[in-house]
Amino acid sequence: MNEINGTILKKKTGFSLVETLLALVLLAVAVLSLALVPIATTKLFVHTADHERAILLATSLLERIESGENVGTSGTDGKFTWAVTSTPEAGTGGDIVTVQISWTSATGSRSSQMERLVRPDVE
């Protein structure tokens, strides 16, 4: 304690209102940041799962085409829309078959494409 002109001055301890409000604001920012993590990871999980399903669908279509089945040039499977195009490959005598898969997710329109060289059966 200090004494000035006969008055004893006490040293102030503790937090002021400004310090308390600043601590609350920093805590709110930290808690909000942590609350957004599950939302972001859920969106990422859904996007990854949709992309994996699209790749499986494209692979399935290409395998069916390669086995000689006529799958058509377009169609839908659940929320996925697919289109098949075929381009002759001069050097091999086969066709390059392209399958384009499109879908709409929470983050917007997405698409994936897969190609495979399909040659006619040679006996």
N, C-alpha and C. Protein backbone atom coordinates (compact mmCIF):
# COMPACT_ATOMS: atom_id res chain seq x y z
N MET A 1 0.84 -1.18 0.00
CA MET A 1 0.00 0.00 0.00
C MET A 1 0.88 1.24 0.00
N ASN A 2 0.40 2.26 -0.66
CA ASN A 2 1.11 3.54 -0.73
C ASN A 2 0.33 4.58 0.04
N GLU A 3 1.05 5.58 0.50
CA GLU A 3 0.39 6.66 1.24
C GLU A 3 0.76 7.98 0.59
N ILE A 4 -0.28 8.71 0.15
CA ILE A 4 -0.07 10.03 -0.44
C ILE A 4 -0.89 11.02 0.38
N ASN A 5 -0.21 12.06 0.93
CA ASN A 5 -0.84 13.12 1.72
C ASN A 5 -1.73 12.54 2.81
N GLY A 6 -1.29 11.51 3.44
CA GLY A 6 -2.04 10.95 4.56
C GLY A 6 -3.16 10.02 4.14
N THR A 7 -3.37 9.82 2.81
CA THR A 7 -4.41 8.93 2.34
C THR A 7 -3.76 7.62 1.92
N ILE A 8 -4.32 6.56 2.40
CA ILE A 8 -3.78 5.25 2.04
C ILE A 8 -4.45 4.80 0.75
N LEU A 9 -3.59 4.51 -0.24
CA LEU A 9 -4.09 4.03 -1.53
C LEU A 9 -3.98 2.52 -1.56
N LYS A 10 -5.07 1.87 -1.92
CA LYS A 10 -5.06 0.42 -2.05
C LYS A 10 -4.77 0.05 -3.50
N LYS A 11 -3.97 -0.97 -3.67
CA LYS A 11 -3.68 -1.44 -5.01
C LYS A 11 -4.89 -2.20 -5.52
N LYS A 12 -5.37 -1.80 -6.72
CA LYS A 12 -6.54 -2.45 -7.29
C LYS A 12 -6.14 -3.79 -7.88
N THR A 13 -6.94 -4.80 -7.60
CA THR A 13 -6.71 -6.13 -8.17
C THR A 13 -8.02 -6.62 -8.78
N GLY A 14 -7.91 -7.65 -9.65
CA GLY A 14 -9.11 -8.19 -10.28
C GLY A 14 -9.22 -7.71 -11.72
N PHE A 15 -10.35 -8.03 -12.32
CA PHE A 15 -10.59 -7.69 -13.71
C PHE A 15 -11.50 -6.49 -13.81
N SER A 16 -11.24 -5.67 -14.81
CA SER A 16 -12.15 -4.57 -15.09
C SER A 16 -13.24 -5.06 -16.02
N LEU A 17 -14.25 -4.29 -16.22
CA LEU A 17 -15.35 -4.65 -17.11
C LEU A 17 -14.85 -4.84 -18.54
N VAL A 18 -13.95 -4.00 -19.01
CA VAL A 18 -13.41 -4.11 -20.36
C VAL A 18 -12.65 -5.42 -20.53
N GLU A 19 -11.84 -5.79 -19.56
CA GLU A 19 -11.10 -7.04 -19.64
C GLU A 19 -12.04 -8.24 -19.65
N THR A 20 -13.10 -8.17 -18.87
CA THR A 20 -14.07 -9.27 -18.83
C THR A 20 -14.80 -9.39 -20.17
N LEU A 21 -15.22 -8.28 -20.75
CA LEU A 21 -15.89 -8.32 -22.06
C LEU A 21 -14.96 -8.83 -23.15
N LEU A 22 -13.72 -8.43 -23.11
CA LEU A 22 -12.75 -8.91 -24.09
C LEU A 22 -12.56 -10.42 -23.97
N ALA A 23 -12.48 -10.91 -22.75
CA ALA A 23 -12.34 -12.35 -22.54
C ALA A 23 -13.57 -13.10 -23.05
N LEU A 24 -14.76 -12.55 -22.85
CA LEU A 24 -15.98 -13.18 -23.34
C LEU A 24 -16.04 -13.20 -24.87
N VAL A 25 -15.61 -12.13 -25.50
CA VAL A 25 -15.60 -12.08 -26.97
C VAL A 25 -14.63 -13.12 -27.52
N LEU A 26 -13.44 -13.22 -26.94
CA LEU A 26 -12.47 -14.22 -27.39
C LEU A 26 -13.00 -15.63 -27.18
N LEU A 27 -13.66 -15.88 -26.08
CA LEU A 27 -14.24 -17.19 -25.81
C LEU A 27 -15.35 -17.50 -26.83
N ALA A 28 -16.18 -16.52 -27.16
CA ALA A 28 -17.26 -16.72 -28.13
C ALA A 28 -16.69 -17.05 -29.51
N VAL A 29 -15.63 -16.37 -29.92
CA VAL A 29 -15.01 -16.65 -31.22
C VAL A 29 -14.46 -18.07 -31.24
N ALA A 30 -13.82 -18.49 -30.18
CA ALA A 30 -13.26 -19.84 -30.10
C ALA A 30 -14.35 -20.90 -30.14
N VAL A 31 -15.42 -20.70 -29.39
CA VAL A 31 -16.51 -21.67 -29.36
C VAL A 31 -17.21 -21.73 -30.72
N LEU A 32 -17.42 -20.60 -31.37
CA LEU A 32 -18.04 -20.58 -32.69
C LEU A 32 -17.17 -21.31 -33.71
N SER A 33 -15.88 -21.10 -33.65
CA SER A 33 -14.97 -21.80 -34.57
C SER A 33 -15.06 -23.31 -34.37
N LEU A 34 -15.09 -23.75 -33.13
CA LEU A 34 -15.20 -25.18 -32.85
C LEU A 34 -16.56 -25.74 -33.26
N ALA A 35 -17.60 -24.93 -33.20
CA ALA A 35 -18.93 -25.39 -33.58
C ALA A 35 -19.04 -25.58 -35.09
N LEU A 36 -18.24 -24.87 -35.87
CA LEU A 36 -18.30 -24.99 -37.33
C LEU A 36 -17.56 -26.21 -37.87
N VAL A 37 -16.70 -26.80 -37.07
CA VAL A 37 -15.93 -27.97 -37.51
C VAL A 37 -16.84 -29.15 -37.87
N PRO A 38 -17.81 -29.54 -37.04
CA PRO A 38 -18.67 -30.67 -37.44
C PRO A 38 -19.47 -30.40 -38.72
N ILE A 39 -19.88 -29.18 -38.94
CA ILE A 39 -20.63 -28.85 -40.15
C ILE A 39 -19.74 -29.03 -41.38
N ALA A 40 -18.52 -28.54 -41.31
CA ALA A 40 -17.60 -28.66 -42.44
C ALA A 40 -17.24 -30.12 -42.70
N THR A 41 -17.01 -30.90 -41.66
CA THR A 41 -16.66 -32.30 -41.88
C THR A 41 -17.84 -33.10 -42.42
N THR A 42 -19.05 -32.76 -42.02
CA THR A 42 -20.23 -33.45 -42.55
C THR A 42 -20.39 -33.17 -44.04
N LYS A 43 -20.21 -31.92 -44.44
CA LYS A 43 -20.28 -31.58 -45.88
C LYS A 43 -19.21 -32.34 -46.66
N LEU A 44 -18.01 -32.42 -46.12
CA LEU A 44 -16.93 -33.12 -46.79
C LEU A 44 -17.24 -34.62 -46.90
N PHE A 45 -17.80 -35.20 -45.85
CA PHE A 45 -18.16 -36.61 -45.86
C PHE A 45 -19.22 -36.89 -46.92
N VAL A 46 -20.25 -36.05 -46.98
CA VAL A 46 -21.32 -36.24 -47.96
C VAL A 46 -20.77 -36.10 -49.38
N HIS A 47 -19.92 -35.10 -49.61
CA HIS A 47 -19.33 -34.91 -50.93
C HIS A 47 -18.50 -36.13 -51.33
N THR A 48 -17.71 -36.64 -50.40
CA THR A 48 -16.87 -37.80 -50.69
C THR A 48 -17.71 -39.04 -50.96
N ALA A 49 -18.77 -39.24 -50.18
CA ALA A 49 -19.64 -40.40 -50.37
C ALA A 49 -20.34 -40.33 -51.73
N ASP A 50 -20.82 -39.14 -52.11
CA ASP A 50 -21.46 -38.98 -53.42
C ASP A 50 -20.47 -39.25 -54.55
N HIS A 51 -19.27 -38.75 -54.42
CA HIS A 51 -18.26 -38.95 -55.46
C HIS A 51 -17.92 -40.43 -55.58
N GLU A 52 -17.83 -41.12 -54.46
CA GLU A 52 -17.53 -42.56 -54.50
C GLU A 52 -18.67 -43.33 -55.18
N ARG A 53 -19.93 -42.96 -54.88
CA ARG A 53 -21.06 -43.62 -55.54
C ARG A 53 -21.06 -43.35 -57.04
N ALA A 54 -20.69 -42.14 -57.45
CA ALA A 54 -20.63 -41.80 -58.88
C ALA A 54 -19.56 -42.63 -59.58
N ILE A 55 -18.41 -42.80 -58.95
CA ILE A 55 -17.34 -43.61 -59.53
C ILE A 55 -17.77 -45.06 -59.64
N LEU A 56 -18.45 -45.58 -58.63
CA LEU A 56 -18.94 -46.96 -58.69
C LEU A 56 -19.95 -47.14 -59.81
N LEU A 57 -20.84 -46.15 -60.00
CA LEU A 57 -21.82 -46.21 -61.07
C LEU A 57 -21.13 -46.19 -62.44
N ALA A 58 -20.15 -45.30 -62.60
CA ALA A 58 -19.41 -45.21 -63.87
C ALA A 58 -18.67 -46.51 -64.16
N THR A 59 -18.04 -47.08 -63.16
CA THR A 59 -17.32 -48.34 -63.33
C THR A 59 -18.28 -49.46 -63.72
N SER A 60 -19.42 -49.50 -63.06
CA SER A 60 -20.43 -50.52 -63.37
C SER A 60 -20.92 -50.40 -64.81
N LEU A 61 -21.19 -49.17 -65.24
CA LEU A 61 -21.64 -48.95 -66.62
C LEU A 61 -20.57 -49.36 -67.62
N LEU A 62 -19.31 -49.00 -67.35
CA LEU A 62 -18.23 -49.37 -68.27
C LEU A 62 -18.05 -50.88 -68.34
N GLU A 63 -18.18 -51.56 -67.21
CA GLU A 63 -18.07 -53.02 -67.23
C GLU A 63 -19.21 -53.66 -68.00
N ARG A 64 -20.41 -53.12 -67.86
CA ARG A 64 -21.55 -53.65 -68.61
C ARG A 64 -21.36 -53.43 -70.11
N ILE A 65 -20.85 -52.25 -70.48
CA ILE A 65 -20.59 -51.95 -71.89
C ILE A 65 -19.51 -52.88 -72.43
N GLU A 66 -18.47 -53.09 -71.64
CA GLU A 66 -17.37 -53.96 -72.06
C GLU A 66 -17.82 -55.41 -72.25
N SER A 67 -18.82 -55.83 -71.49
CA SER A 67 -19.32 -57.20 -71.63
C SER A 67 -20.28 -57.34 -72.80
N GLY A 68 -20.59 -56.22 -73.47
CA GLY A 68 -21.45 -56.27 -74.65
C GLY A 68 -22.89 -55.86 -74.40
N GLU A 69 -23.21 -55.48 -73.18
CA GLU A 69 -24.59 -55.08 -72.87
C GLU A 69 -24.86 -53.68 -73.41
N ASN A 70 -26.06 -53.47 -73.94
CA ASN A 70 -26.45 -52.15 -74.43
C ASN A 70 -27.09 -51.38 -73.26
N VAL A 71 -26.41 -50.36 -72.77
CA VAL A 71 -26.91 -49.58 -71.64
C VAL A 71 -27.59 -48.29 -72.08
N GLY A 72 -27.55 -48.00 -73.38
CA GLY A 72 -28.13 -46.75 -73.87
C GLY A 72 -27.10 -45.63 -73.81
N THR A 73 -27.57 -44.43 -74.11
CA THR A 73 -26.66 -43.29 -74.12
C THR A 73 -26.82 -42.38 -72.91
N SER A 74 -27.90 -42.54 -72.16
CA SER A 74 -28.09 -41.71 -70.96
C SER A 74 -29.11 -42.37 -70.06
N GLY A 75 -29.14 -41.90 -68.83
CA GLY A 75 -30.11 -42.43 -67.88
C GLY A 75 -29.91 -41.81 -66.51
N THR A 76 -30.69 -42.27 -65.57
CA THR A 76 -30.58 -41.81 -64.19
C THR A 76 -30.53 -43.01 -63.26
N ASP A 77 -29.88 -42.80 -62.14
CA ASP A 77 -29.80 -43.81 -61.09
C ASP A 77 -29.83 -43.05 -59.77
N GLY A 78 -31.02 -42.99 -59.16
CA GLY A 78 -31.16 -42.18 -57.95
C GLY A 78 -30.98 -40.72 -58.28
N LYS A 79 -30.08 -40.06 -57.57
CA LYS A 79 -29.85 -38.64 -57.85
C LYS A 79 -28.77 -38.41 -58.90
N PHE A 80 -28.23 -39.49 -59.45
CA PHE A 80 -27.17 -39.40 -60.44
C PHE A 80 -27.73 -39.49 -61.86
N THR A 81 -27.25 -38.62 -62.73
CA THR A 81 -27.59 -38.65 -64.15
C THR A 81 -26.32 -39.02 -64.90
N TRP A 82 -26.42 -39.95 -65.85
CA TRP A 82 -25.25 -40.37 -66.58
C TRP A 82 -25.46 -40.27 -68.07
N ALA A 83 -24.35 -40.09 -68.79
CA ALA A 83 -24.36 -40.04 -70.25
C ALA A 83 -23.14 -40.80 -70.76
N VAL A 84 -23.35 -41.57 -71.80
CA VAL A 84 -22.28 -42.39 -72.38
C VAL A 84 -22.00 -41.89 -73.80
N THR A 85 -20.73 -41.67 -74.11
CA THR A 85 -20.32 -41.33 -75.47
C THR A 85 -19.22 -42.30 -75.88
N SER A 86 -19.14 -42.54 -77.19
CA SER A 86 -18.16 -43.47 -77.71
C SER A 86 -17.44 -42.82 -78.89
N THR A 87 -16.11 -42.89 -78.87
CA THR A 87 -15.29 -42.32 -79.93
C THR A 87 -14.39 -43.41 -80.49
N PRO A 88 -14.42 -43.64 -81.81
CA PRO A 88 -13.56 -44.68 -82.39
C PRO A 88 -12.08 -44.38 -82.16
N GLU A 89 -11.33 -45.40 -81.80
CA GLU A 89 -9.89 -45.29 -81.61
C GLU A 89 -9.24 -45.99 -82.81
N ALA A 90 -8.66 -45.22 -83.72
CA ALA A 90 -8.18 -45.75 -85.00
C ALA A 90 -7.08 -46.79 -84.84
N GLY A 91 -6.16 -46.57 -83.94
CA GLY A 91 -5.01 -47.46 -83.83
C GLY A 91 -5.33 -48.84 -83.28
N THR A 92 -6.39 -48.98 -82.53
CA THR A 92 -6.67 -50.25 -81.86
C THR A 92 -7.88 -50.98 -82.42
N GLY A 93 -8.67 -50.30 -83.17
CA GLY A 93 -9.89 -50.90 -83.68
C GLY A 93 -11.01 -50.93 -82.66
N GLY A 94 -10.78 -50.32 -81.52
CA GLY A 94 -11.80 -50.27 -80.48
C GLY A 94 -12.39 -48.88 -80.36
N ASP A 95 -13.12 -48.68 -79.30
CA ASP A 95 -13.74 -47.38 -79.03
C ASP A 95 -13.31 -46.90 -77.65
N ILE A 96 -13.14 -45.59 -77.53
CA ILE A 96 -12.95 -44.99 -76.21
C ILE A 96 -14.34 -44.61 -75.72
N VAL A 97 -14.77 -45.29 -74.67
CA VAL A 97 -16.10 -45.05 -74.11
C VAL A 97 -15.94 -44.14 -72.90
N THR A 98 -16.69 -43.04 -72.91
CA THR A 98 -16.65 -42.07 -71.82
C THR A 98 -17.99 -42.07 -71.10
N VAL A 99 -17.95 -42.18 -69.79
CA VAL A 99 -19.16 -42.09 -68.97
C VAL A 99 -19.05 -40.84 -68.12
N GLN A 100 -20.02 -39.95 -68.26
CA GLN A 100 -20.08 -38.70 -67.49
C GLN A 100 -21.22 -38.84 -66.49
N ILE A 101 -20.90 -38.72 -65.20
CA ILE A 101 -21.89 -38.80 -64.13
C ILE A 101 -22.06 -37.41 -63.54
N SER A 102 -23.32 -36.96 -63.39
CA SER A 102 -23.60 -35.65 -62.81
C SER A 102 -24.59 -35.81 -61.67
N TRP A 103 -24.47 -34.94 -60.67
CA TRP A 103 -25.41 -34.95 -59.55
C TRP A 103 -25.39 -33.59 -58.88
N THR A 104 -26.41 -33.33 -58.09
CA THR A 104 -26.50 -32.09 -57.34
C THR A 104 -26.41 -32.42 -55.86
N SER A 105 -25.53 -31.71 -55.17
CA SER A 105 -25.37 -31.92 -53.74
C SER A 105 -25.62 -30.61 -53.01
N ALA A 106 -25.43 -30.63 -51.71
CA ALA A 106 -25.64 -29.42 -50.91
C ALA A 106 -24.66 -28.32 -51.27
N THR A 107 -23.53 -28.68 -51.85
CA THR A 107 -22.52 -27.69 -52.21
C THR A 107 -22.60 -27.27 -53.67
N GLY A 108 -23.61 -27.77 -54.41
CA GLY A 108 -23.78 -27.37 -55.81
C GLY A 108 -23.74 -28.55 -56.75
N SER A 109 -23.68 -28.26 -58.03
CA SER A 109 -23.64 -29.30 -59.05
C SER A 109 -22.24 -29.90 -59.15
N ARG A 110 -22.19 -31.20 -59.25
CA ARG A 110 -20.92 -31.92 -59.34
C ARG A 110 -20.96 -32.87 -60.52
N SER A 111 -19.80 -33.26 -61.00
CA SER A 111 -19.74 -34.27 -62.06
C SER A 111 -18.42 -35.00 -61.99
N SER A 112 -18.42 -36.18 -62.56
CA SER A 112 -17.22 -37.00 -62.63
C SER A 112 -17.24 -37.73 -63.96
N GLN A 113 -16.06 -37.99 -64.50
CA GLN A 113 -15.97 -38.61 -65.82
C GLN A 113 -14.96 -39.75 -65.77
N MET A 114 -15.29 -40.82 -66.47
CA MET A 114 -14.39 -41.96 -66.55
C MET A 114 -14.36 -42.47 -67.98
N GLU A 115 -13.16 -42.84 -68.45
CA GLU A 115 -13.00 -43.34 -69.81
C GLU A 115 -12.35 -44.73 -69.77
N ARG A 116 -12.67 -45.50 -70.80
CA ARG A 116 -12.04 -46.82 -70.94
C ARG A 116 -11.99 -47.18 -72.42
N LEU A 117 -10.90 -47.82 -72.82
CA LEU A 117 -10.78 -48.32 -74.18
C LEU A 117 -11.47 -49.68 -74.23
N VAL A 118 -12.48 -49.78 -75.08
CA VAL A 118 -13.23 -51.02 -75.23
C VAL A 118 -12.97 -51.54 -76.63
N ARG A 119 -12.37 -52.72 -76.70
CA ARG A 119 -12.06 -53.35 -77.99
C ARG A 119 -13.04 -54.49 -78.25
N PRO A 120 -13.37 -54.68 -79.51
CA PRO A 120 -14.24 -55.82 -79.81
C PRO A 120 -13.52 -57.12 -79.50
N ASP A 121 -14.30 -58.15 -79.16
CA ASP A 121 -13.72 -59.45 -78.86
C ASP A 121 -12.96 -59.97 -80.07
N VAL A 122 -11.73 -60.38 -79.84
CA VAL A 122 -10.89 -60.93 -80.90
C VAL A 122 -10.70 -62.42 -80.59
N GLU A 123 -11.12 -63.27 -81.53
CA GLU A 123 -11.00 -64.71 -81.28
C GLU A 123 -9.95 -65.33 -82.16
